[in-house]
Amino acid sequence: MQFQYLQPSAALAGYIDYYLIIECSDCSERYPVTVYPAPQAEMVFNYGDSSYEQIGTGEKIRSNDIAVSGFFTQTTTYTNEKNLAVIMVGFKPWGIQSFISFNAGEITNVNLSMENLYRGKIAEVEDRLKTAGGVQQRIGIIENFLLSILRPFPPDELVIASVKEINRQNGQISINRLAQIFFLSEKQFKRRFNNSVGINPKLFSRLVRFQFILQCMEKSKVGLLDKAVQTGFYDEAHFIKEFREFTGKTPSAYIRENKRSGLGTYLDEQFKMSLFYNSIYQ
């Protein structure tokens, strides 16, 4: 299995966090990957065999080959057939809204086929990816496509600053306090944040805090109550409720059952380099 983790060109660096290329000519069910909720939207360009997804406790279905996904609040498990070849585009939290004409909240927990959004373009992109001569050529094809659909609306600098503050505080900051920092009413702040990111700031903060929880659980062996306090919960019961909502498991079950695959371990290390995305993969 081969991995490459690349940065976007200067023209797209304000919107995109990374490109991740995964290729394997013999990767069947041995490499399922579980993805936990994270504060980031993605596009996926599959130029290999079919892959399959199961969102939460839903049905396992075939994934769209070229898809855009919003923010996930449920755990998703992906499996693939023999030939795995995919490029994942990870957006900065405010980035996805510059490439779609609707609010990203409409595709929360959804991998939406981009054929439905950009008719006529996707078939050409798919054909070119499959016949391209290598990684750099494929990245060029994807970047040209992204530049062709980039909307002429620059990101809201106030929202960018607020996202960075939420991340700096590990999601442990109130919306009222954020509004005060940026000299807005709470209603004004929520509206600007939602327009730029696609979800409300409270949900975004919860996703950031959840990621921080996973990091704490990976690094620390302290008890659940200590973890709850460390991650900003008033008591253990609220901590367990939040954790179960995002993973379908109690924290104790997660610790007991969490065994990451080799692919998951690699992805963990790569994504820890990202300011906004430190998701724990299995």
Protein backbone atom coordinates (compact mmCIF):
# COMPACT_ATOMS: atom_id res chain seq x y z
CA MET A 1 0.00 0.00 0.00
CA GLN A 2 1.26 3.45 -0.91
CA PHE A 3 0.33 6.76 0.70
CA GLN A 4 1.14 10.34 -0.17
CA TYR A 5 0.12 13.41 1.77
CA LEU A 6 0.42 16.58 -0.31
CA GLN A 7 -0.27 20.28 0.14
CA PRO A 8 -2.45 22.24 -2.30
CA SER A 9 -1.16 24.84 -4.71
CA ALA A 10 -1.03 28.47 -3.61
CA ALA A 11 -4.25 29.20 -5.51
CA LEU A 12 -6.19 26.73 -3.34
CA ALA A 13 -4.24 26.85 -0.08
CA GLY A 14 -6.76 29.22 1.49
CA TYR A 15 -9.50 26.60 1.13
CA ILE A 16 -7.84 23.18 1.20
CA ASP A 17 -5.86 21.59 4.01
CA TYR A 18 -4.38 18.57 2.22
CA TYR A 19 -4.58 15.95 -0.51
CA LEU A 20 -4.24 12.34 0.60
CA ILE A 21 -3.48 9.72 -2.05
CA ILE A 22 -3.98 6.04 -1.16
CA GLU A 23 -3.19 3.29 -3.67
CA CYS A 24 -3.05 -0.48 -3.29
CA SER A 25 -3.37 -3.18 -5.95
CA ASP A 26 -4.41 -5.93 -3.49
CA CYS A 27 -6.38 -4.34 -0.66
CA SER A 28 -9.57 -6.22 0.06
CA GLU A 29 -11.48 -6.42 3.34
CA ARG A 30 -8.21 -6.55 5.26
CA TYR A 31 -8.14 -2.77 5.30
CA PRO A 32 -11.45 -1.42 6.59
CA VAL A 33 -11.08 2.11 7.93
CA THR A 34 -13.30 3.61 10.60
CA VAL A 35 -13.54 7.40 10.51
CA TYR A 36 -14.74 9.28 13.57
CA PRO A 37 -16.58 12.63 13.44
CA ALA A 38 -14.32 15.59 12.75
CA PRO A 39 -14.71 19.32 11.98
CA GLN A 40 -13.97 19.04 8.29
CA ALA A 41 -15.67 18.42 4.94
CA GLU A 42 -14.08 16.42 2.12
CA MET A 43 -14.22 15.50 -1.53
CA VAL A 44 -13.25 12.01 -2.66
CA PHE A 45 -12.03 11.04 -6.12
CA ASN A 46 -11.97 7.26 -6.58
CA TYR A 47 -10.21 5.93 -9.67
CA GLY A 48 -9.91 2.31 -8.49
CA ASP A 49 -12.42 -0.43 -7.75
CA SER A 50 -15.66 0.14 -5.89
CA SER A 51 -15.67 1.04 -2.21
CA TYR A 52 -18.42 0.71 0.38
CA GLU A 53 -19.53 2.77 3.36
CA GLN A 54 -21.57 2.29 6.48
CA ILE A 55 -22.61 5.47 8.30
CA GLY A 56 -23.44 4.87 11.94
CA THR A 57 -25.69 1.84 12.24
CA GLY A 58 -27.05 2.30 8.73
CA GLU A 59 -26.91 -0.08 5.81
CA LYS A 60 -23.61 -0.83 4.07
CA ILE A 61 -23.88 0.72 0.59
CA ARG A 62 -21.66 1.33 -2.40
CA SER A 63 -19.87 4.67 -2.17
CA ASN A 64 -20.08 7.24 -4.95
CA ASP A 65 -16.82 7.30 -6.90
CA ILE A 66 -16.58 11.09 -6.91
CA ALA A 67 -18.35 12.63 -3.95
CA VAL A 68 -18.49 15.58 -1.61
CA SER A 69 -19.25 15.08 2.06
CA GLY A 70 -20.21 17.56 4.71
CA PHE A 71 -19.40 17.39 8.39
CA PHE A 72 -19.97 14.00 9.98
CA THR A 73 -21.49 13.54 13.42
CA GLN A 74 -21.56 9.75 13.13
CA THR A 75 -18.83 7.16 12.83
CA THR A 76 -18.35 5.86 9.28
CA THR A 77 -16.66 2.62 8.20
CA TYR A 78 -15.25 2.22 4.68
CA THR A 79 -14.23 -1.00 2.94
CA ASN A 80 -12.96 -1.59 -0.56
CA GLU A 81 -12.50 -4.18 -3.26
CA LYS A 82 -9.12 -5.36 -4.52
CA ASN A 83 -7.78 -2.29 -6.31
CA LEU A 84 -7.81 0.74 -4.01
CA ALA A 85 -6.98 4.06 -5.65
CA VAL A 86 -8.38 7.25 -4.19
CA ILE A 87 -7.51 10.91 -3.67
CA MET A 88 -9.13 12.62 -0.69
CA VAL A 89 -9.37 16.42 -0.59
CA GLY A 90 -9.61 17.72 2.97
CA PHE A 91 -11.00 21.24 3.22
CA LYS A 92 -10.31 23.85 5.83
CA PRO A 93 -13.48 24.28 7.91
CA TRP A 94 -14.60 27.31 5.90
CA GLY A 95 -13.31 25.98 2.57
CA ILE A 96 -16.11 23.75 1.31
CA GLN A 97 -18.64 26.61 1.02
CA SER A 98 -16.57 28.17 -1.76
CA PHE A 99 -17.12 25.12 -3.99
CA ILE A 100 -20.83 24.37 -3.53
CA SER A 101 -23.94 26.47 -4.13
CA PHE A 102 -25.85 25.31 -1.05
CA ASN A 103 -25.22 25.23 2.69
CA ALA A 104 -22.87 22.42 3.69
CA GLY A 105 -25.23 21.59 6.53
CA GLU A 106 -27.49 19.97 3.92
CA ILE A 107 -24.94 17.19 3.43
CA THR A 108 -24.17 16.49 7.08
CA ASN A 109 -23.52 12.73 7.37
CA VAL A 110 -23.84 12.39 3.58
CA ASN A 111 -21.45 11.45 0.78
CA LEU A 112 -23.16 13.15 -2.17
CA SER A 113 -22.34 12.23 -5.76
CA MET A 114 -20.83 15.24 -7.49
CA GLU A 115 -22.37 14.06 -10.74
CA ASN A 116 -25.58 15.53 -9.34
CA LEU A 117 -23.91 18.92 -8.88
CA TYR A 118 -21.61 19.35 -11.88
CA ARG A 119 -23.19 17.47 -14.74
CA GLY A 120 -20.92 17.13 -17.72
CA LYS A 121 -17.73 17.80 -15.76
CA ILE A 122 -17.52 14.76 -13.51
CA ALA A 123 -17.51 12.11 -16.24
CA GLU A 124 -14.56 13.88 -17.88
CA VAL A 125 -12.69 14.17 -14.56
CA GLU A 126 -13.30 10.48 -13.84
CA ASP A 127 -12.01 9.38 -17.26
CA ARG A 128 -8.92 11.56 -17.02
CA LEU A 129 -8.06 10.33 -13.52
CA LYS A 130 -8.17 6.70 -14.66
CA THR A 131 -5.87 7.31 -17.63
CA ALA A 132 -3.50 9.81 -15.98
CA GLY A 133 0.21 9.06 -15.88
CA GLY A 134 0.81 9.52 -12.16
CA VAL A 135 0.03 11.31 -8.93
CA GLN A 136 1.09 14.79 -9.97
CA GLN A 137 -0.98 14.61 -13.14
CA ARG A 138 -4.00 13.45 -11.14
CA ILE A 139 -3.58 16.27 -8.62
CA GLY A 140 -3.39 18.69 -11.54
CA ILE A 141 -6.66 17.32 -12.95
CA ILE A 142 -8.39 17.72 -9.59
CA GLU A 143 -7.00 21.20 -8.99
CA ASN A 144 -8.10 22.37 -12.43
CA PHE A 145 -11.58 21.03 -11.70
CA LEU A 146 -11.68 22.73 -8.29
CA LEU A 147 -10.53 26.04 -9.76
CA SER A 148 -13.26 25.77 -12.40
CA ILE A 149 -15.99 25.51 -9.75
CA LEU A 150 -14.49 27.93 -7.21
CA ARG A 151 -17.05 30.59 -6.39
CA PRO A 152 -15.93 34.26 -6.42
CA PHE A 153 -16.65 34.85 -2.74
CA PRO A 154 -13.61 35.08 -0.45
CA PRO A 155 -13.87 33.43 2.98
CA ASP A 156 -15.03 35.58 5.90
CA GLU A 157 -11.88 36.56 7.79
CA LEU A 158 -13.81 36.96 11.03
CA VAL A 159 -15.07 33.39 10.75
CA ILE A 160 -11.57 32.13 9.96
CA ALA A 161 -10.32 33.83 13.12
CA SER A 162 -13.17 32.34 15.16
CA VAL A 163 -12.46 28.83 13.85
CA LYS A 164 -8.84 29.21 14.89
CA GLU A 165 -9.92 30.40 18.35
CA ILE A 166 -12.28 27.44 18.76
CA ASN A 167 -9.46 25.12 17.75
CA ARG A 168 -7.02 26.84 20.13
CA GLN A 169 -9.50 26.35 22.97
CA ASN A 170 -10.11 22.70 21.98
CA GLY A 171 -13.79 23.52 21.50
CA GLN A 172 -14.15 24.64 25.10
CA ILE A 173 -15.42 28.17 24.57
CA SER A 174 -18.99 29.44 24.62
CA ILE A 175 -20.68 30.95 21.58
CA ASN A 176 -21.52 34.00 23.67
CA ARG A 177 -17.84 34.51 24.45
CA LEU A 178 -16.88 34.13 20.80
CA ALA A 179 -19.46 36.73 19.80
CA GLN A 180 -18.02 39.11 22.41
CA ILE A 181 -14.48 38.59 21.14
CA PHE A 182 -15.53 39.60 17.63
CA PHE A 183 -17.88 42.42 18.71
CA LEU A 184 -21.05 40.83 17.36
CA SER A 185 -24.34 39.85 18.86
CA GLU A 186 -24.71 36.10 19.32
CA LYS A 187 -27.31 36.02 16.54
CA GLN A 188 -25.03 37.90 14.12
CA PHE A 189 -22.09 35.64 14.93
CA LYS A 190 -24.10 32.45 14.44
CA ARG A 191 -25.40 33.67 11.08
CA ARG A 192 -21.95 34.60 9.75
CA PHE A 193 -20.42 31.35 11.00
CA ASN A 194 -23.15 29.21 9.49
CA ASN A 195 -22.96 31.03 6.16
CA SER A 196 -19.20 30.43 5.94
CA VAL A 197 -18.79 26.97 7.47
CA GLY A 198 -22.15 25.35 6.82
CA ILE A 199 -22.91 24.25 10.38
CA ASN A 200 -23.60 26.27 13.50
CA PRO A 201 -20.68 27.20 15.78
CA LYS A 202 -21.98 25.09 18.66
CA LEU A 203 -21.88 21.87 16.61
CA PHE A 204 -18.49 22.81 15.18
CA SER A 205 -17.14 23.38 18.70
CA ARG A 206 -18.53 20.03 19.81
CA LEU A 207 -16.71 18.30 16.95
CA VAL A 208 -13.45 20.05 17.86
CA ARG A 209 -13.90 19.07 21.50
CA PHE A 210 -14.68 15.48 20.50
CA GLN A 211 -11.42 15.31 18.58
CA PHE A 212 -9.63 16.62 21.67
CA ILE A 213 -11.33 13.91 23.73
CA LEU A 214 -10.01 11.21 21.39
CA GLN A 215 -6.50 12.64 21.64
CA CYS A 216 -6.72 12.70 25.44
CA MET A 217 -7.92 9.11 25.50
CA GLU A 218 -5.05 8.02 23.28
CA LYS A 219 -2.43 9.78 25.37
CA SER A 220 -3.72 9.43 28.91
CA LYS A 221 -4.64 6.51 31.15
CA VAL A 222 -6.51 8.58 33.75
CA GLY A 223 -10.09 7.72 34.73
CA LEU A 224 -13.21 8.77 32.87
CA LEU A 225 -14.16 11.45 35.38
CA ASP A 226 -10.72 13.03 35.05
CA LYS A 227 -11.05 12.91 31.26
CA ALA A 228 -14.47 14.54 31.51
CA VAL A 229 -13.09 17.41 33.56
CA GLN A 230 -10.04 17.70 31.31
CA THR A 231 -12.25 18.09 28.24
CA GLY A 232 -14.66 20.61 29.74
CA PHE A 233 -17.61 18.49 30.90
CA TYR A 234 -19.30 19.13 34.22
CA ASP A 235 -19.62 15.47 35.08
CA GLU A 236 -18.96 11.97 33.82
CA ALA A 237 -22.58 11.38 32.74
CA HIS A 238 -22.52 14.26 30.22
CA PHE A 239 -19.12 13.12 28.97
CA ILE A 240 -20.39 9.57 28.34
CA LYS A 241 -23.57 10.85 26.64
CA GLU A 242 -21.60 13.06 24.23
CA PHE A 243 -19.10 10.32 23.46
CA ARG A 244 -21.81 7.75 22.78
CA GLU A 245 -23.64 10.20 20.49
CA PHE A 246 -20.59 10.57 18.24
CA THR A 247 -19.26 6.99 18.31
CA GLY A 248 -22.13 4.71 19.25
CA LYS A 249 -19.95 3.43 22.10
CA THR A 250 -19.28 4.31 25.69
CA PRO A 251 -15.76 5.62 26.41
CA SER A 252 -14.97 2.37 28.24
CA ALA A 253 -16.04 0.29 25.23
CA TYR A 254 -14.00 2.50 22.92
CA ILE A 255 -10.87 2.03 25.04
CA ARG A 256 -11.46 -1.71 25.25
CA GLU A 257 -12.24 -2.26 21.56
CA ASN A 258 -10.15 0.41 19.84
CA LYS A 259 -7.57 -1.45 17.75
CA ARG A 260 -6.35 0.59 14.84
CA SER A 261 -5.33 -0.96 11.54
CA GLY A 262 -1.99 -0.21 9.92
CA LEU A 263 -3.77 2.18 7.57
CA GLY A 264 -5.49 3.85 10.49
CA THR A 265 -2.21 4.33 12.34
CA TYR A 266 -0.64 5.89 9.26
CA LEU A 267 -3.57 8.25 8.78
CA ASP A 268 -3.42 9.30 12.42
CA GLU A 269 0.21 10.34 12.09
CA GLN A 270 -0.37 12.20 8.83
CA PHE A 271 -3.45 14.08 9.96
CA LYS A 272 -1.83 15.17 13.22
CA MET A 273 0.18 17.57 11.05
CA SER A 274 -3.05 19.37 10.17
CA LEU A 275 -4.12 22.28 12.35
CA PHE A 276 -7.80 21.48 12.00
CA TYR A 277 -8.07 17.73 11.66
CA ASN A 278 -6.67 15.28 14.17
CA SER A 279 -9.20 12.51 13.71
CA ILE A 280 -8.43 9.11 15.15
CA TYR A 281 -8.80 6.40 12.53
CA GLN A 282 -9.07 2.65 13.02
